[in-house]
Protein backbone atom coordinates (compact mmCIF):
# COMPACT_ATOMS: atom_id res chain seq x y z
CA MET A 1 8.13 322.80 -78.66
CA LYS A 2 11.95 322.16 -78.57
CA ILE A 3 14.81 323.84 -76.87
CA GLU A 4 18.56 323.74 -77.52
CA SER A 5 21.20 322.71 -74.92
CA ARG A 6 23.14 325.30 -73.15
CA ARG A 7 26.25 325.16 -71.21
CA LYS A 8 26.10 325.15 -67.52
CA GLY A 9 27.59 328.16 -65.70
CA SER A 10 26.60 328.57 -62.17
CA CYS A 11 25.88 326.04 -59.32
CA THR A 12 25.99 325.83 -55.49
CA THR A 13 27.76 322.86 -53.70
CA ILE A 14 27.35 321.45 -50.27
CA LEU A 15 29.75 318.96 -48.68
CA VAL A 16 29.16 317.03 -45.34
CA GLY A 17 31.81 314.94 -43.54
CA ARG A 18 30.58 311.63 -42.03
CA LYS A 19 30.57 312.77 -38.39
CA ALA A 20 28.66 315.92 -39.32
CA SER A 21 25.91 313.97 -41.06
CA LEU A 22 22.87 312.70 -39.20
CA ASP A 23 23.38 308.94 -39.96
CA GLY A 24 27.33 308.87 -40.48
CA SER A 25 27.15 309.06 -44.33
CA THR A 26 29.43 311.26 -46.36
CA ILE A 27 27.50 313.63 -48.46
CA ILE A 28 28.45 315.71 -51.64
CA ALA A 29 25.59 317.72 -53.24
CA ARG A 30 25.11 320.43 -55.95
CA ASN A 31 22.57 322.29 -57.86
CA ASP A 32 23.36 321.76 -61.60
CA ASP A 33 22.49 325.23 -62.94
CA GLY A 34 22.88 326.75 -66.35
CA HIS A 35 22.64 330.00 -68.28
CA GLU A 36 19.07 329.14 -69.60
CA ALA A 37 16.06 328.22 -67.54
CA LEU A 38 15.47 324.97 -69.32
CA ASP A 39 18.00 322.25 -70.24
CA PRO A 40 16.37 318.75 -70.00
CA GLN A 41 18.28 316.25 -67.99
CA ARG A 42 18.41 312.47 -67.75
CA PHE A 43 19.30 309.82 -65.08
CA VAL A 44 21.24 306.94 -66.58
CA LEU A 45 23.54 303.97 -65.54
CA VAL A 46 26.64 303.90 -67.85
CA SER A 47 27.74 300.17 -67.99
CA PRO A 48 31.44 299.25 -68.82
CA GLU A 49 30.35 298.28 -72.20
CA GLU A 50 28.97 301.72 -72.80
CA GLN A 51 32.00 303.54 -71.54
CA PRO A 52 34.23 304.78 -74.44
CA ARG A 53 37.81 303.50 -74.81
CA HIS A 54 38.74 306.53 -76.94
CA TYR A 55 37.23 309.80 -75.75
CA LYS A 56 36.67 312.84 -78.02
CA ALA A 57 35.28 316.10 -76.55
CA VAL A 58 32.76 318.14 -78.43
CA LEU A 59 33.63 321.75 -77.11
CA SER A 60 37.28 321.48 -77.48
CA ALA A 61 39.81 319.31 -79.65
CA LEU A 62 40.66 317.18 -76.67
CA GLU A 63 41.10 313.42 -77.57
CA LEU A 64 42.67 310.69 -75.49
CA ASP A 65 42.55 306.99 -74.88
CA LEU A 66 40.91 305.84 -71.71
CA PRO A 67 41.88 302.86 -69.47
CA GLU A 68 40.51 299.38 -69.77
CA ASN A 69 38.16 297.79 -67.27
CA PRO A 70 36.05 300.97 -66.33
CA LEU A 71 33.54 300.51 -63.48
CA SER A 72 29.76 301.12 -64.07
CA TYR A 73 28.37 304.56 -62.68
CA THR A 74 25.15 306.52 -62.38
CA SER A 75 24.95 309.82 -64.34
CA THR A 76 22.86 312.76 -64.96
CA PRO A 77 23.77 313.86 -68.62
CA ASN A 78 22.04 316.37 -70.89
CA ALA A 79 19.15 315.17 -73.03
CA VAL A 80 20.50 317.25 -75.91
CA LEU A 81 24.02 316.34 -76.84
CA THR A 82 24.91 318.97 -79.14
CA GLU A 83 27.57 320.30 -76.69
CA GLY A 84 28.50 317.13 -75.14
CA ILE A 85 27.42 314.64 -72.52
CA TRP A 86 27.88 316.80 -69.38
CA PRO A 87 27.41 313.72 -66.89
CA ALA A 88 27.31 316.15 -63.91
CA ALA A 89 27.55 313.56 -61.07
CA GLY A 90 27.41 309.98 -60.05
CA ILE A 91 28.35 307.07 -57.86
CA ASN A 92 30.38 304.21 -59.28
CA SER A 93 30.24 300.42 -58.50
CA GLU A 94 32.90 300.88 -55.95
CA ASN A 95 30.69 303.36 -53.97
CA VAL A 96 32.72 306.39 -54.96
CA ALA A 97 30.83 309.62 -55.62
CA MET A 98 31.86 312.55 -57.80
CA SER A 99 30.18 315.89 -58.61
CA ALA A 100 31.62 318.03 -61.47
CA THR A 101 31.63 320.92 -61.62
CA GLU A 102 31.02 324.01 -59.56
CA THR A 103 32.11 326.90 -61.89
CA ILE A 104 34.40 329.06 -59.90
CA THR A 105 36.44 332.26 -60.44
CA THR A 106 40.15 333.23 -60.71
CA ASN A 107 42.20 336.30 -61.21
CA PRO A 108 44.23 337.74 -64.03
CA ARG A 109 47.53 337.25 -62.10
CA ILE A 110 47.45 333.44 -62.29
CA LEU A 111 46.00 333.58 -65.91
CA GLY A 112 49.06 335.62 -66.88
CA ILE A 113 51.34 332.81 -65.54
CA ASP A 114 49.26 329.81 -66.53
CA PRO A 115 46.74 330.66 -69.27
CA TYR A 116 43.69 328.53 -69.97
CA VAL A 117 44.18 325.75 -72.73
CA ALA A 118 41.66 326.00 -75.47
CA ASP A 119 41.81 322.16 -76.24
CA GLY A 120 41.93 321.12 -72.65
CA ILE A 121 39.49 319.58 -70.25
CA GLY A 122 36.17 321.18 -69.24
CA GLU A 123 33.12 320.45 -67.47
CA GLU A 124 31.72 318.56 -70.28
CA ASP A 125 34.33 315.94 -69.97
CA ILE A 126 35.45 315.57 -66.38
CA VAL A 127 33.17 312.84 -64.94
CA THR A 128 33.56 310.58 -67.97
CA LEU A 129 37.29 310.85 -67.56
CA VAL A 130 37.54 310.19 -63.89
CA LEU A 131 34.54 308.47 -62.17
CA PRO A 132 34.78 305.05 -63.97
CA TYR A 133 38.34 304.57 -62.85
CA ILE A 134 38.60 305.42 -59.30
CA HIS A 135 38.24 303.27 -56.16
CA SER A 136 38.55 306.08 -53.46
CA ALA A 137 37.93 309.85 -53.19
CA ARG A 138 41.58 310.45 -52.86
CA GLU A 139 42.20 308.51 -56.01
CA GLY A 140 39.76 310.70 -57.64
CA VAL A 141 41.65 313.80 -56.83
CA THR A 142 45.02 312.35 -58.02
CA ARG A 143 43.61 311.06 -61.26
CA LEU A 144 42.00 314.36 -62.24
CA GLY A 145 45.03 316.25 -61.05
CA GLU A 146 47.18 314.20 -63.45
CA LEU A 147 44.84 314.94 -66.29
CA LEU A 148 44.79 318.71 -65.59
CA THR A 149 48.54 318.60 -65.42
CA THR A 150 48.76 316.79 -68.73
CA TYR A 151 45.94 318.25 -70.75
CA GLY A 152 45.10 321.57 -68.93
CA THR A 153 41.63 323.10 -68.71
CA TYR A 154 39.84 325.98 -70.60
CA GLU A 155 37.78 327.05 -67.58
CA PRO A 156 37.91 327.38 -63.66
CA ASN A 157 36.00 324.58 -61.88
CA GLY A 158 35.55 322.98 -58.34
CA ILE A 159 34.98 319.17 -58.17
CA ALA A 160 33.88 317.11 -55.19
CA PHE A 161 34.65 313.41 -54.29
CA ALA A 162 33.54 311.12 -51.59
CA ASP A 163 33.80 307.61 -50.45
CA ASN A 164 32.25 306.15 -47.37
CA LYS A 165 35.31 307.64 -45.22
CA GLU A 166 36.45 310.92 -46.88
CA VAL A 167 35.13 313.98 -48.69
CA TRP A 168 37.51 315.84 -50.99
CA TRP A 169 37.20 319.12 -52.72
CA LEU A 170 39.48 320.17 -55.77
CA GLU A 171 39.75 323.48 -57.37
CA THR A 172 41.44 324.13 -60.79
CA ILE A 173 43.93 326.92 -60.88
CA GLY A 174 44.85 328.56 -64.14
CA GLY A 175 45.29 326.27 -67.10
CA HIS A 176 47.30 323.43 -65.44
CA HIS A 177 47.43 323.96 -61.77
CA TRP A 178 45.05 322.71 -58.96
CA ALA A 179 44.68 322.27 -55.20
CA ALA A 180 42.48 319.87 -53.16
CA VAL A 181 41.50 319.69 -49.58
CA ARG A 182 40.00 316.86 -47.52
CA ILE A 183 37.06 318.11 -45.59
CA PRO A 184 37.32 317.10 -41.80
CA ASP A 185 34.91 314.44 -40.75
CA ASP A 186 33.10 316.75 -38.35
CA SER A 187 32.65 319.62 -40.77
CA TYR A 188 30.66 321.00 -43.80
CA VAL A 189 31.14 323.33 -46.62
CA VAL A 190 28.82 325.65 -48.62
CA ALA A 191 30.58 326.64 -51.92
CA PRO A 192 29.19 329.06 -54.51
CA ASN A 193 30.77 330.21 -57.94
CA ARG A 194 34.02 331.55 -56.63
CA MET A 195 37.46 330.12 -55.71
CA ASN A 196 36.49 328.67 -52.13
CA ILE A 197 39.60 327.10 -50.53
CA ASP A 198 41.08 329.54 -47.92
CA ALA A 199 43.80 328.33 -45.45
CA PHE A 200 45.97 325.67 -47.14
CA ASP A 201 48.73 323.74 -45.56
CA PHE A 202 51.16 322.38 -48.03
CA GLU A 203 52.72 319.99 -45.63
CA SER A 204 49.32 318.32 -44.42
CA ASN A 205 48.28 314.77 -45.32
CA ASP A 206 44.73 316.23 -45.87
CA THR A 207 45.78 318.47 -48.89
CA LEU A 208 47.10 317.72 -52.40
CA CYS A 209 48.17 320.06 -55.23
CA SER A 210 50.23 320.60 -58.28
CA SER A 211 53.86 319.63 -57.55
CA ASP A 212 55.01 323.31 -58.25
CA LEU A 213 52.09 325.29 -56.90
CA LYS A 214 54.06 326.68 -53.76
CA ALA A 215 57.14 327.55 -55.85
CA MET A 216 55.00 329.30 -58.39
CA ILE A 217 53.43 331.46 -55.47
CA GLU A 218 56.82 332.33 -54.27
CA GLU A 219 58.42 332.89 -57.82
CA TYR A 220 55.80 335.30 -58.80
CA HIS A 221 55.09 336.92 -55.52
CA LEU A 222 51.28 336.07 -55.47
CA ASN A 223 50.64 335.87 -51.68
CA PRO A 224 49.13 339.08 -50.52
CA ASP A 225 49.16 337.86 -46.88
CA ASP A 226 53.02 337.35 -46.82
CA LEU A 227 54.00 340.34 -44.74
CA GLY A 228 57.45 339.21 -43.99
CA GLY A 229 56.76 337.58 -40.68
CA TYR A 230 58.37 334.37 -39.08
CA GLU A 231 55.64 332.11 -40.74
CA THR A 232 53.97 332.48 -44.18
CA HIS A 233 50.33 331.64 -44.32
CA TYR A 234 48.53 330.65 -47.54
CA ASN A 235 44.99 331.57 -48.30
CA LEU A 236 44.42 330.20 -51.77
CA ARG A 237 41.22 332.33 -52.16
CA HIS A 238 43.27 335.40 -51.66
CA ILE A 239 46.01 334.21 -53.92
CA PHE A 240 44.18 332.83 -56.81
CA GLY A 241 40.60 333.81 -56.48
CA SER A 242 38.39 336.83 -57.23
CA SER A 243 37.27 339.55 -54.88
CA SER A 244 34.70 341.56 -57.00
CA ILE A 245 31.56 343.42 -56.66
CA LYS A 246 29.86 340.66 -58.41
CA ASP A 247 30.81 338.19 -55.64
CA THR A 248 29.17 340.46 -53.03
CA VAL A 249 25.87 340.05 -54.71
CA TYR A 250 26.07 336.79 -56.60
CA ASN A 251 28.27 334.41 -54.53
CA ASN A 252 28.97 335.46 -50.82
CA PRO A 253 25.21 335.91 -49.85
CA ARG A 254 24.62 332.06 -50.76
CA VAL A 255 27.46 331.01 -48.34
CA TRP A 256 26.03 333.44 -45.63
CA TYR A 257 22.54 331.91 -46.07
CA GLY A 258 23.68 328.42 -46.03
CA GLN A 259 25.99 328.70 -43.25
CA ASN A 260 23.53 330.35 -40.96
CA TYR A 261 20.88 327.68 -41.81
CA LEU A 262 23.44 324.93 -40.98
CA GLY A 263 24.56 326.49 -37.65
CA THR A 264 27.42 328.82 -38.36
CA PRO A 265 26.32 332.49 -37.57
CA SER A 266 27.47 335.16 -39.77
CA GLY A 267 26.31 338.72 -39.83
CA ASP A 268 27.35 340.15 -43.10
CA PRO A 269 25.90 338.51 -46.29
CA GLN A 270 28.44 340.25 -48.51
CA SER A 271 31.67 339.36 -46.75
CA ALA A 272 34.35 337.70 -48.76
CA ASP A 273 35.98 336.21 -45.73
CA MET A 274 33.37 333.73 -44.54
CA PRO A 275 35.25 330.44 -43.70
CA PHE A 276 35.48 327.62 -46.42
CA ILE A 277 35.24 324.79 -43.89
CA CYS A 278 32.78 325.02 -40.90
CA GLU A 279 32.75 322.70 -37.99
CA ALA A 280 29.16 321.50 -37.62
CA THR A 281 27.31 322.52 -34.52
CA ARG A 282 24.58 319.90 -35.22
CA LYS A 283 24.13 316.73 -37.44
CA ILE A 284 23.07 317.54 -40.93
CA SER A 285 20.32 315.69 -42.73
CA ILE A 286 19.32 315.09 -46.29
CA GLU A 287 16.40 317.37 -45.88
CA ASP A 288 18.82 320.11 -44.49
CA VAL A 289 20.88 319.86 -47.69
CA LYS A 290 17.81 319.93 -49.92
CA PHE A 291 16.33 322.96 -48.09
CA VAL A 292 19.54 324.88 -48.44
CA LEU A 293 19.88 323.94 -52.20
CA SER A 294 16.16 325.12 -52.79
CA SER A 295 16.41 328.24 -50.71
CA HIS A 296 15.86 331.89 -51.72
CA PHE A 297 16.61 333.62 -48.52
CA GLU A 298 13.38 332.71 -46.74
CA ASN A 299 12.72 334.73 -43.51
CA THR A 300 15.10 337.51 -44.66
CA LYS A 301 14.41 340.74 -46.50
CA TYR A 302 16.31 339.46 -49.47
CA ASP A 303 13.58 336.83 -50.34
CA VAL A 304 12.24 337.35 -53.87
CA TYR A 305 8.90 336.04 -52.80
CA GLY A 306 8.90 338.28 -49.64
CA THR A 307 5.71 340.26 -48.78
CA THR A 308 7.21 342.81 -46.41
CA ASN A 309 10.36 343.78 -48.16
CA THR A 310 11.00 346.10 -51.19
CA LYS A 311 11.24 344.82 -54.81
CA GLU A 312 14.91 346.00 -54.69
CA GLU A 313 15.70 344.15 -51.47
CA GLY A 314 14.25 341.03 -52.89
CA GLU A 315 16.28 341.26 -56.18
CA LEU A 316 19.60 342.33 -54.53
CA PHE A 317 21.15 338.90 -54.01
CA ARG A 318 21.31 335.85 -56.35
CA PRO A 319 19.43 333.02 -54.55
CA ILE A 320 20.53 329.29 -54.21
CA GLY A 321 17.21 328.02 -55.65
CA ILE A 322 16.67 329.64 -58.97
CA ASN A 323 14.90 329.15 -62.24
CA ARG A 324 18.12 327.88 -63.75
CA ASN A 325 18.27 324.84 -61.52
CA HIS A 326 18.21 321.93 -64.03
CA SER A 327 18.68 319.21 -61.48
CA VAL A 328 19.93 318.70 -57.94
CA HIS A 329 21.92 315.67 -56.68
CA ILE A 330 22.61 314.64 -53.13
CA LEU A 331 25.26 311.95 -53.44
CA GLN A 332 25.20 309.81 -50.11
CA VAL A 333 27.63 307.03 -49.32
CA ARG A 334 26.42 305.34 -46.15
CA ASN A 335 28.30 303.56 -43.40
CA ASN A 336 25.48 301.81 -41.42
CA VAL A 337 24.31 299.41 -44.10
CA PRO A 338 25.83 296.69 -46.29
CA LYS A 339 28.09 297.91 -49.08
CA GLU A 340 25.66 296.66 -51.64
CA VAL A 341 23.20 299.42 -50.62
CA ALA A 342 25.62 302.12 -49.57
CA GLY A 343 25.48 304.32 -52.50
CA VAL A 344 22.47 306.54 -52.86
CA HIS A 345 21.92 309.08 -55.56
CA TRP A 346 19.24 311.38 -54.39
CA LEU A 347 17.84 313.33 -57.38
CA ALA A 348 15.35 315.85 -58.55
CA PHE A 349 14.86 317.85 -61.68
CA GLY A 350 13.90 321.39 -62.43
CA ALA A 351 13.86 324.48 -60.33
CA ASN A 352 14.16 323.33 -56.71
CA THR A 353 11.27 325.29 -55.17
CA PHE A 354 8.57 322.80 -56.21
CA ASN A 355 10.39 319.45 -56.75
CA HIS A 356 11.42 316.53 -54.53
CA VAL A 357 14.63 314.50 -54.18
CA VAL A 358 14.33 310.64 -54.61
CA PRO A 359 16.89 308.23 -53.03
CA PHE A 360 17.81 306.03 -56.02
CA TYR A 361 20.07 303.12 -55.22
CA THR A 362 23.17 302.97 -57.46
CA ASN A 363 23.98 299.19 -57.54
CA ILE A 364 21.43 298.66 -60.31
CA THR A 365 21.00 297.40 -63.73
CA ASP A 366 18.97 300.40 -65.22
CA THR A 367 17.26 303.58 -64.21
CA PRO A 368 13.53 304.31 -64.23
CA ALA A 369 12.21 305.32 -67.73
CA CYS A 370 10.41 308.46 -66.47
CA TYR A 371 13.81 309.77 -65.10
CA ARG A 372 15.93 308.24 -67.91
CA ASP A 373 14.18 309.26 -71.16
CA ALA A 374 13.88 312.94 -71.34
CA ARG A 375 14.01 314.63 -74.78
CA ALA A 376 14.34 318.24 -76.11
CA GLU A 377 10.51 318.30 -76.67
CA TYR A 378 8.28 319.17 -73.99
CA ASP A 379 6.72 315.99 -72.48
CA PRO A 380 4.90 316.05 -69.24
CA THR A 381 5.06 312.28 -68.96
CA ASN A 382 8.73 312.73 -68.26
CA MET A 383 9.91 313.73 -64.70
CA TYR A 384 12.14 316.69 -65.88
CA TRP A 385 9.27 318.34 -67.77
CA LEU A 386 6.60 317.58 -65.20
CA SER A 387 8.77 319.21 -62.52
CA ALA A 388 9.47 322.22 -64.74
CA THR A 389 5.74 322.59 -65.23
CA THR A 390 5.22 322.59 -61.49
CA ALA A 391 7.86 325.12 -60.92
CA VAL A 392 6.53 327.50 -63.38
CA LEU A 393 3.01 327.41 -61.99
CA GLY A 394 4.27 327.59 -58.44
CA ASP A 395 6.43 330.66 -59.16
CA ALA A 396 3.28 332.49 -60.54
CA ASN A 397 1.95 332.69 -56.99
CA TYR A 398 4.49 331.27 -54.63
CA ASN A 399 2.60 332.35 -51.49
CA LEU A 400 -0.57 330.70 -52.50
CA PHE A 401 1.05 327.37 -53.46
CA VAL A 402 3.84 327.05 -50.83
CA ASP A 403 1.71 325.30 -48.13
CA LEU A 404 0.63 322.67 -50.70
CA ARG A 405 4.33 322.31 -51.54
CA ASP A 406 5.48 321.85 -47.93
CA THR A 407 2.65 319.12 -47.22
CA PHE A 408 3.69 317.39 -50.46
CA ALA A 409 7.38 317.45 -49.51
CA LEU A 410 6.71 316.08 -46.02
CA ASN A 411 4.53 313.22 -47.24
CA THR A 412 6.73 312.13 -50.14
CA MET A 413 9.92 312.26 -48.16
CA ALA A 414 8.26 310.18 -45.44
CA LYS A 415 7.22 307.59 -48.15
CA PHE A 416 10.74 307.62 -49.68
CA HIS A 417 12.35 306.88 -46.23
CA GLU A 418 9.72 304.14 -45.57
CA ILE A 419 10.60 302.34 -48.80
CA GLN A 420 14.37 302.84 -48.39
CA ASN A 421 14.30 301.52 -44.78
CA GLN A 422 12.28 298.48 -45.96
CA THR A 423 14.53 297.80 -48.90
CA ASP A 424 17.52 297.95 -46.63
CA LYS A 425 16.04 295.76 -44.06
CA ASN A 426 14.76 293.07 -46.37
CA LEU A 427 18.25 292.71 -47.95
CA GLU A 428 19.49 290.12 -45.25
CA ASN A 429 16.26 287.95 -45.69
CA LEU A 430 16.54 287.57 -49.51
CA PRO A 431 16.88 284.13 -51.02
CA LYS A 432 20.66 283.27 -51.63
CA ASP A 433 20.04 283.22 -55.38
CA THR A 434 18.65 286.78 -55.52
CA ASP A 435 20.32 289.25 -57.89
CA ILE A 436 20.87 292.26 -55.70
CA ARG A 437 21.17 294.60 -58.45
CA THR A 438 17.83 293.54 -59.98
CA TYR A 439 16.27 293.80 -56.49
CA LEU A 440 17.57 297.35 -56.15
CA THR A 441 16.45 298.26 -59.59
CA GLU A 442 12.97 297.17 -58.73
CA ALA A 443 13.03 299.40 -55.60
CA ASN A 444 14.08 302.41 -57.70
CA GLU A 445 11.14 301.76 -60.02
CA LYS A 446 8.81 301.84 -57.04
CA LEU A 447 10.43 304.97 -55.76
CA ALA A 448 10.07 306.65 -59.33
CA GLN A 449 6.56 305.80 -59.70
CA ILE A 450 5.59 307.17 -56.24
CA ALA A 451 7.69 310.34 -56.98
CA PHE A 452 6.00 310.82 -60.36
CA SER A 453 2.51 310.32 -59.00
CA ALA A 454 3.10 312.72 -56.25
CA GLN A 455 4.57 315.42 -58.51
CA ASN A 456 1.49 314.90 -60.76
CA GLU A 457 -0.88 315.22 -57.72
CA LEU A 458 0.84 318.33 -56.49
CA LEU A 459 0.46 319.88 -59.94
CA GLY A 460 -3.27 318.97 -60.06
CA ARG A 461 -3.88 320.39 -56.59
CA MET A 462 -2.05 323.65 -57.68
CA VAL A 463 -4.35 323.98 -60.66
CA ILE A 464 -7.42 323.45 -58.68
CA LEU A 465 -6.29 325.93 -55.95
CA GLY A 466 -5.11 328.46 -58.58
CA SER A 467 -8.23 328.27 -60.65
CA ALA A 468 -10.25 329.62 -57.77
CA ASN A 469 -7.83 332.56 -57.35
CA MET A 470 -7.53 333.67 -60.86
CA LYS A 471 -7.84 337.41 -61.64
CA LEU A 472 -10.14 336.63 -64.45
CA ARG A 473 -13.32 336.42 -62.51
CA TYR A 474 -16.57 338.14 -61.47
CA ASP A 475 -18.41 337.53 -58.28
CA PHE A 476 -21.93 337.37 -59.70
CA ASN A 477 -22.89 333.73 -60.35
CA ASP A 478 -26.04 333.92 -62.27
């Protein structure tokens, strides 16, 4: 059995500043979703030797020369490359993280001024063109901004960057324009498939944008909030974004659920004016981020797996965890450890309801084979396909299997934290001639084997439990 690659089109992003996270890390995280339920993904390390010096896109006619001396970086590309690499996310050897992209929305007013560029940059290209060449999150914004200004883009996207101090969010605007905001250290963001940036201060050191963005707003009278008062306010979501019926069922409810779970109460799941940036009311953990990115409106009447709601209520809103999740990454840059172990690429494949994120170190020489070598053909010895199998079985009777899932998640995350803590702690006692990258590569292998064995065990337990509850049965045993 073989499937073809499909372009991605819908994701959910979470950003967490270092003072809002449980351990002082910066966190950028995203579900990498697509139009189809299956699209095998891989986890790889791209070395400087493997990084192209001349880049040619697959989906457009874009071609450009790339700088010399690229950095190495982790990446989660497609297994099927007929539509390009689609690296999705990674952390480079300078501990700079990048996630690209969150597909967003725009409106016809800006597209009438600055149309898309058919042979420009798209999601297929962005990580490859940016991540190997940046040494800070802010530098990532400026490099991508220069590329957008020069080559343009054929689609609207949101892109996240982080180093150990700062988290930045950039959104494309029309064909060549863009705006970016530094997320405050004490705050977090939940971003769906719409334009998300709201209040924007053109004079702030915590914003960056196209040099003519403000002038374009004034020249073309794009600001609906400019009512002729003493001070003009700029809400980029109002100026450049959509406000459609689709947003009220596809995008806004995801923000509502994520913000409520993370501590920002909101009463209307369909509101278009929930804040972009929320000040954290409690410290946010990796487990919190994974829960939100796996969620489907649990404990509300909108849960597709609910037992007390109507079918119509359960299908009204698009959930965050969905069958079209191909992978989830939580990119963590830590501050309480040596820089050699600061970058952690938490990763899971498949629909998020029945998978687990694994904390892979990024200062490595290679990635584990069971995460690296996915193919188009079904192969349950590969983690992507094993996770997909578990998700399909779990979906068939969610309420029967969810307790098994929860126990499995608790036990596996505890084991991952144990290995991570021990690996970090042993670092200072290693012999002086130890190759740190080899040491961390071996730790990743251990994590991968535990993860694969645990996923396989979960699937086995689900088969055993499910077989006793099949409809094809009869109660006379003779």
